[in-house]
Amino acid sequence: MSGSGKASALKAFEDMGFYCVDNLPIELIPRFAELTKNSGEIERTALVVDIREGSGLERLPAMLKTLKKTVNAKLLFLEASDEALLRRYSETRRPHPLGNVPVKTALANERKRLGPIRKLADIVVDSSKLNVHELRAHVVERLRPESAGKSIFVSCVSFGYSKGVPQDADLVFDVRFLPNPHFIPELRPYTGRDPRVAKYIRSFPQTQEFIARISELLTYLLPHYIREGKSYLTITFGCTGGQHRSVFIAEELKKNLAAAGYKVKVTHRDAPG
């Protein structure tokens, strides 16, 4: 249904790694499915079909039944109550796709024309009482592919406070409370990626406890960020110069979050490559 949240749903599919197309003509869907199936690059797709298709909608049920014989296809139908849709159209002041008729009349016509398609739906989502974040979470929960893993990308960044906090940081953790290898002459030339430096920092009980507590905190927080629609999170760890402690901690957290199923990359902003 127009106004039921198609754009928000499509964005959720994009964040889950789907190749998304809005308003692809129905006649092209079988050909598109064949091309993507044989592409070797596109693993999954999401297509939006709505009332803009016009008379072509009548051919969708038969085409969908044929399509399901050759590909794993699911039909998600988005709808909302007339009250909710009328309110949304009033708030946005956008015209209904069916043209110059009262919105209430357009909605009635649209429901009638989409009725046969709704009956074929594998999943029906009523977005009447859902905000955009709740709708996205609902779509992700119902249709996230198992192979997609956790639908958020995490960046662990080490930095030195002497050069400022990264501007794109979502979360900032100060690790200057840990013993500093800079004051150990034989460790000073190396970074937190060096086994000797790592062994030194890891030898302190507060290091082990900090890693355990932060790992537990992040594995608790990340699912909540996902439900709120966040697809990218930058977690930063700072020490004085950004060479030893922050580098070691960022590497350790990357390992723990990756082990928990998240896609993680690590960047050492101020440490030599």
Protein backbone atom coordinates (compact mmCIF):
# COMPACT_ATOMS: atom_id res chain seq x y z
CA MET A 1 0.00 0.00 0.00
CA SER A 2 1.24 3.47 -0.84
CA GLY A 3 2.35 5.21 2.36
CA SER A 4 2.85 1.97 4.29
CA GLY A 5 6.64 2.28 4.52
CA LYS A 6 8.07 0.89 1.27
CA ALA A 7 11.06 3.22 1.32
CA SER A 8 11.96 2.29 4.91
CA ALA A 9 11.59 -1.42 4.15
CA LEU A 10 13.75 -1.14 1.04
CA LYS A 11 16.44 0.64 3.05
CA ALA A 12 16.40 -2.25 5.53
CA PHE A 13 16.96 -4.69 2.69
CA GLU A 14 19.85 -2.59 1.40
CA ASP A 15 21.47 -2.67 4.82
CA MET A 16 21.13 -6.47 4.85
CA GLY A 17 23.08 -6.72 1.60
CA PHE A 18 20.21 -7.09 -0.86
CA TYR A 19 20.45 -5.67 -4.38
CA CYS A 20 17.37 -3.43 -4.39
CA VAL A 21 15.23 -2.10 -7.23
CA ASP A 22 12.20 0.13 -6.83
CA ASN A 23 9.32 -0.14 -9.33
CA LEU A 24 10.87 -2.58 -11.79
CA PRO A 25 8.27 -3.27 -14.52
CA ILE A 26 6.58 -6.61 -13.89
CA GLU A 27 7.41 -7.89 -17.39
CA LEU A 28 11.12 -7.59 -16.54
CA ILE A 29 11.04 -9.45 -13.21
CA PRO A 30 11.56 -12.99 -14.62
CA ARG A 31 14.43 -11.78 -16.80
CA PHE A 32 15.91 -9.86 -13.88
CA ALA A 33 15.69 -12.97 -11.68
CA GLU A 34 17.48 -15.03 -14.30
CA LEU A 35 20.26 -12.46 -14.74
CA THR A 36 20.90 -12.12 -11.01
CA LYS A 37 20.79 -15.89 -10.46
CA ASN A 38 23.56 -16.37 -13.02
CA SER A 39 25.56 -13.24 -12.20
CA GLY A 40 27.85 -14.84 -9.63
CA GLU A 41 27.96 -11.53 -7.75
CA ILE A 42 24.40 -10.81 -6.60
CA GLU A 43 23.33 -13.20 -3.83
CA ARG A 44 19.90 -11.77 -3.02
CA THR A 45 17.56 -9.12 -4.36
CA ALA A 46 14.56 -7.11 -3.19
CA LEU A 47 12.05 -5.60 -5.62
CA VAL A 48 9.30 -3.09 -4.91
CA VAL A 49 6.05 -3.48 -6.84
CA ASP A 50 3.17 -1.12 -6.11
CA ILE A 51 0.14 0.57 -7.58
CA ARG A 52 2.32 2.59 -9.95
CA GLU A 53 2.56 -0.57 -12.09
CA GLY A 54 -0.99 0.05 -13.31
CA SER A 55 -2.76 -2.72 -15.22
CA GLY A 56 0.38 -4.85 -15.04
CA LEU A 57 -0.50 -5.75 -11.45
CA GLU A 58 -3.06 -8.23 -12.75
CA ARG A 59 -0.24 -10.34 -14.18
CA LEU A 60 1.83 -10.41 -10.97
CA PRO A 61 0.10 -13.36 -9.20
CA ALA A 62 0.58 -15.76 -12.12
CA MET A 63 4.12 -14.52 -12.75
CA LEU A 64 5.01 -14.96 -9.07
CA LYS A 65 3.74 -18.56 -9.00
CA THR A 66 5.90 -19.35 -12.03
CA LEU A 67 8.91 -17.56 -10.55
CA LYS A 68 8.78 -19.57 -7.33
CA LYS A 69 9.37 -22.76 -9.32
CA THR A 70 12.88 -21.65 -10.23
CA VAL A 71 14.04 -19.29 -7.48
CA ASN A 72 13.58 -18.96 -3.74
CA ALA A 73 11.16 -16.04 -3.69
CA LYS A 74 9.10 -14.53 -0.88
CA LEU A 75 6.38 -11.94 -1.09
CA LEU A 76 6.25 -9.32 1.65
CA PHE A 77 3.07 -7.25 1.65
CA LEU A 78 3.13 -3.90 3.46
CA GLU A 79 -0.12 -2.30 4.54
CA ALA A 80 -1.57 0.10 7.12
CA SER A 81 -4.99 1.20 8.25
CA ASP A 82 -6.86 3.91 6.36
CA GLU A 83 -6.59 6.12 9.42
CA ALA A 84 -2.81 5.79 9.53
CA LEU A 85 -2.42 6.28 5.78
CA LEU A 86 -4.69 9.32 5.71
CA ARG A 87 -2.67 10.85 8.54
CA ARG A 88 0.61 10.21 6.73
CA TYR A 89 -0.66 11.72 3.49
CA SER A 90 -1.90 14.74 5.43
CA GLU A 91 1.45 15.18 7.15
CA THR A 92 3.56 14.81 4.01
CA ARG A 93 1.09 16.58 1.69
CA ARG A 94 2.08 14.23 -1.10
CA PRO A 95 -0.49 13.13 -3.69
CA HIS A 96 -1.59 9.52 -3.93
CA PRO A 97 -0.20 7.73 -7.03
CA LEU A 98 -3.71 7.08 -8.34
CA GLY A 99 -4.11 10.74 -9.18
CA ASN A 100 -6.63 13.51 -8.72
CA VAL A 101 -9.18 11.82 -6.50
CA PRO A 102 -9.68 12.14 -2.73
CA VAL A 103 -7.03 10.13 -0.85
CA LYS A 104 -9.69 8.05 0.89
CA THR A 105 -11.16 7.04 -2.46
CA ALA A 106 -7.70 6.28 -3.85
CA LEU A 107 -6.91 4.04 -0.87
CA ALA A 108 -10.13 2.08 -1.34
CA ASN A 109 -9.35 1.53 -5.01
CA GLU A 110 -5.79 0.56 -4.22
CA ARG A 111 -6.83 -2.02 -1.61
CA LYS A 112 -9.24 -3.62 -4.07
CA ARG A 113 -6.63 -3.87 -6.82
CA LEU A 114 -3.94 -5.23 -4.48
CA GLY A 115 -6.28 -7.76 -2.85
CA PRO A 116 -5.31 -10.75 -5.05
CA ILE A 117 -1.62 -10.03 -4.44
CA ARG A 118 -2.07 -9.74 -0.68
CA LYS A 119 -3.64 -13.22 -0.62
CA LEU A 120 -0.38 -14.65 -2.01
CA ALA A 121 1.86 -12.92 0.54
CA ASP A 122 4.25 -15.03 2.60
CA ILE A 123 4.46 -12.22 5.15
CA VAL A 124 2.02 -9.36 5.80
CA VAL A 125 3.24 -6.41 7.85
CA ASP A 126 0.82 -3.81 9.17
CA SER A 127 2.82 -0.63 9.79
CA SER A 128 -0.08 1.36 11.27
CA LYS A 129 1.48 1.59 14.74
CA LEU A 130 5.14 1.28 13.75
CA ASN A 131 7.61 4.13 13.42
CA VAL A 132 10.35 3.88 10.79
CA HIS A 133 12.80 2.26 13.23
CA GLU A 134 10.28 -0.32 14.41
CA LEU A 135 9.31 -1.15 10.84
CA ARG A 136 12.93 -1.62 9.87
CA ALA A 137 13.56 -3.85 12.89
CA HIS A 138 10.50 -5.93 12.02
CA VAL A 139 11.65 -6.45 8.44
CA VAL A 140 15.20 -7.30 9.53
CA GLU A 141 13.96 -9.77 12.13
CA ARG A 142 11.64 -11.56 9.71
CA LEU A 143 13.74 -11.57 6.55
CA ARG A 144 17.41 -11.29 7.46
CA PRO A 145 19.32 -14.06 5.64
CA GLU A 146 21.24 -16.40 7.92
CA SER A 147 24.33 -15.85 5.81
CA ALA A 148 24.10 -12.09 6.33
CA GLY A 149 25.17 -12.40 9.96
CA LYS A 150 24.70 -9.46 12.29
CA SER A 151 23.42 -6.54 10.19
CA ILE A 152 25.78 -3.85 11.46
CA PHE A 153 29.34 -3.05 10.46
CA VAL A 154 31.68 -2.21 13.33
CA SER A 155 34.85 -0.15 13.02
CA CYS A 156 37.33 -0.34 15.90
CA VAL A 157 39.68 2.66 15.82
CA SER A 158 42.72 3.38 17.98
CA PHE A 159 43.90 6.96 18.42
CA GLY A 160 46.09 9.23 20.51
CA TYR A 161 44.51 11.97 22.61
CA SER A 162 47.52 14.14 21.77
CA LYS A 163 46.11 14.35 18.23
CA GLY A 164 42.44 14.68 19.13
CA VAL A 165 39.41 12.41 19.29
CA PRO A 166 38.21 11.06 15.89
CA GLN A 167 35.33 13.17 14.63
CA ASP A 168 33.30 10.19 13.44
CA ALA A 169 33.44 8.36 16.79
CA ASP A 170 30.15 6.93 18.06
CA LEU A 171 31.65 5.50 21.26
CA VAL A 172 34.90 6.63 22.90
CA PHE A 173 36.80 4.63 25.52
CA ASP A 174 39.80 6.09 27.33
CA VAL A 175 42.45 3.41 28.04
CA ARG A 176 45.06 5.73 29.56
CA PHE A 177 44.44 4.08 32.94
CA LEU A 178 46.42 1.04 31.74
CA PRO A 179 50.20 0.86 32.37
CA ASN A 180 52.04 2.59 29.52
CA PRO A 181 54.66 0.59 27.56
CA HIS A 182 56.12 3.91 26.39
CA PHE A 183 58.07 4.02 29.65
CA ILE A 184 59.68 0.63 29.01
CA PRO A 185 62.71 1.46 26.82
CA GLU A 186 62.80 -1.90 25.00
CA LEU A 187 59.05 -1.65 24.17
CA ARG A 188 58.85 2.01 23.22
CA PRO A 189 59.75 1.59 19.50
CA TYR A 190 56.97 -0.92 18.87
CA THR A 191 53.17 -0.71 18.72
CA GLY A 192 50.40 -2.60 20.46
CA ARG A 193 50.40 -5.13 17.62
CA ASP A 194 53.84 -6.38 18.60
CA PRO A 195 53.64 -9.60 20.69
CA ARG A 196 56.07 -8.18 23.28
CA VAL A 197 53.98 -5.08 23.82
CA ALA A 198 50.77 -7.12 23.85
CA LYS A 199 52.19 -9.50 26.45
CA TYR A 200 53.16 -6.57 28.68
CA ILE A 201 49.75 -4.87 28.52
CA ARG A 202 47.87 -8.15 28.91
CA SER A 203 49.87 -9.05 32.03
CA PHE A 204 47.92 -6.61 34.20
CA PRO A 205 44.62 -7.82 35.74
CA GLN A 206 42.86 -4.52 34.96
CA THR A 207 43.56 -5.13 31.27
CA GLN A 208 41.84 -8.50 31.29
CA GLU A 209 38.89 -7.15 33.25
CA PHE A 210 38.51 -4.12 30.99
CA ILE A 211 38.47 -6.25 27.83
CA ALA A 212 35.92 -8.62 29.36
CA ARG A 213 33.64 -5.81 30.58
CA ILE A 214 33.78 -3.79 27.35
CA SER A 215 33.18 -6.91 25.25
CA GLU A 216 30.15 -7.74 27.34
CA LEU A 217 28.86 -4.16 27.10
CA LEU A 218 29.24 -4.03 23.32
CA THR A 219 27.62 -7.40 22.68
CA TYR A 220 24.71 -6.12 24.75
CA LEU A 221 24.51 -2.76 22.94
CA LEU A 222 24.94 -3.83 19.32
CA PRO A 223 21.59 -5.66 18.95
CA HIS A 224 19.86 -2.54 20.31
CA TYR A 225 21.68 -0.34 17.78
CA ILE A 226 20.57 -2.73 15.04
CA ARG A 227 16.94 -2.52 16.16
CA GLU A 228 17.15 1.27 16.04
CA GLY A 229 18.28 1.14 12.42
CA LYS A 230 22.00 1.75 12.80
CA SER A 231 24.04 -0.09 10.17
CA TYR A 232 27.52 1.27 11.00
CA LEU A 233 29.16 1.88 14.37
CA THR A 234 32.57 3.42 15.05
CA ILE A 235 34.09 2.45 18.42
CA THR A 236 37.27 4.29 19.36
CA PHE A 237 39.95 3.58 21.96
CA GLY A 238 42.34 6.32 22.99
CA CYS A 239 45.64 6.46 24.82
CA THR A 240 48.20 9.25 25.02
CA GLY A 241 50.03 8.76 21.75
CA GLY A 242 47.91 6.15 19.99
CA GLN A 243 50.82 3.71 19.68
CA HIS A 244 50.54 1.02 22.35
CA ARG A 245 47.55 0.62 24.66
CA SER A 246 44.79 1.80 22.32
CA VAL A 247 46.20 -0.29 19.47
CA PHE A 248 46.29 -3.43 21.60
CA ILE A 249 42.75 -2.92 22.96
CA ALA A 250 41.30 -2.22 19.50
CA GLU A 251 42.82 -5.44 18.20
CA GLU A 252 41.46 -7.45 21.13
CA LEU A 253 37.95 -6.04 20.78
CA LYS A 254 37.99 -6.75 17.07
CA LYS A 255 38.70 -10.42 17.82
CA ASN A 256 35.93 -10.65 20.42
CA LEU A 257 33.28 -8.92 18.31
CA ALA A 258 34.19 -10.96 15.23
CA ALA A 259 33.87 -14.12 17.33
CA ALA A 260 30.37 -12.92 18.31
CA GLY A 261 29.39 -12.83 14.61
CA TYR A 262 29.84 -9.15 13.74
CA LYS A 263 31.63 -7.72 10.71
CA VAL A 264 34.54 -5.74 12.14
CA LYS A 265 37.47 -3.81 10.76
CA VAL A 266 40.26 -2.23 12.78
CA THR A 267 42.06 1.05 12.01
CA HIS A 268 45.05 2.50 13.87
CA ARG A 269 44.84 6.20 13.13
CA ASP A 270 48.02 7.34 14.81
CA ALA A 271 50.18 4.21 14.81
CA PRO A 272 52.69 3.56 12.01
CA GLY A 273 51.49 1.06 9.45
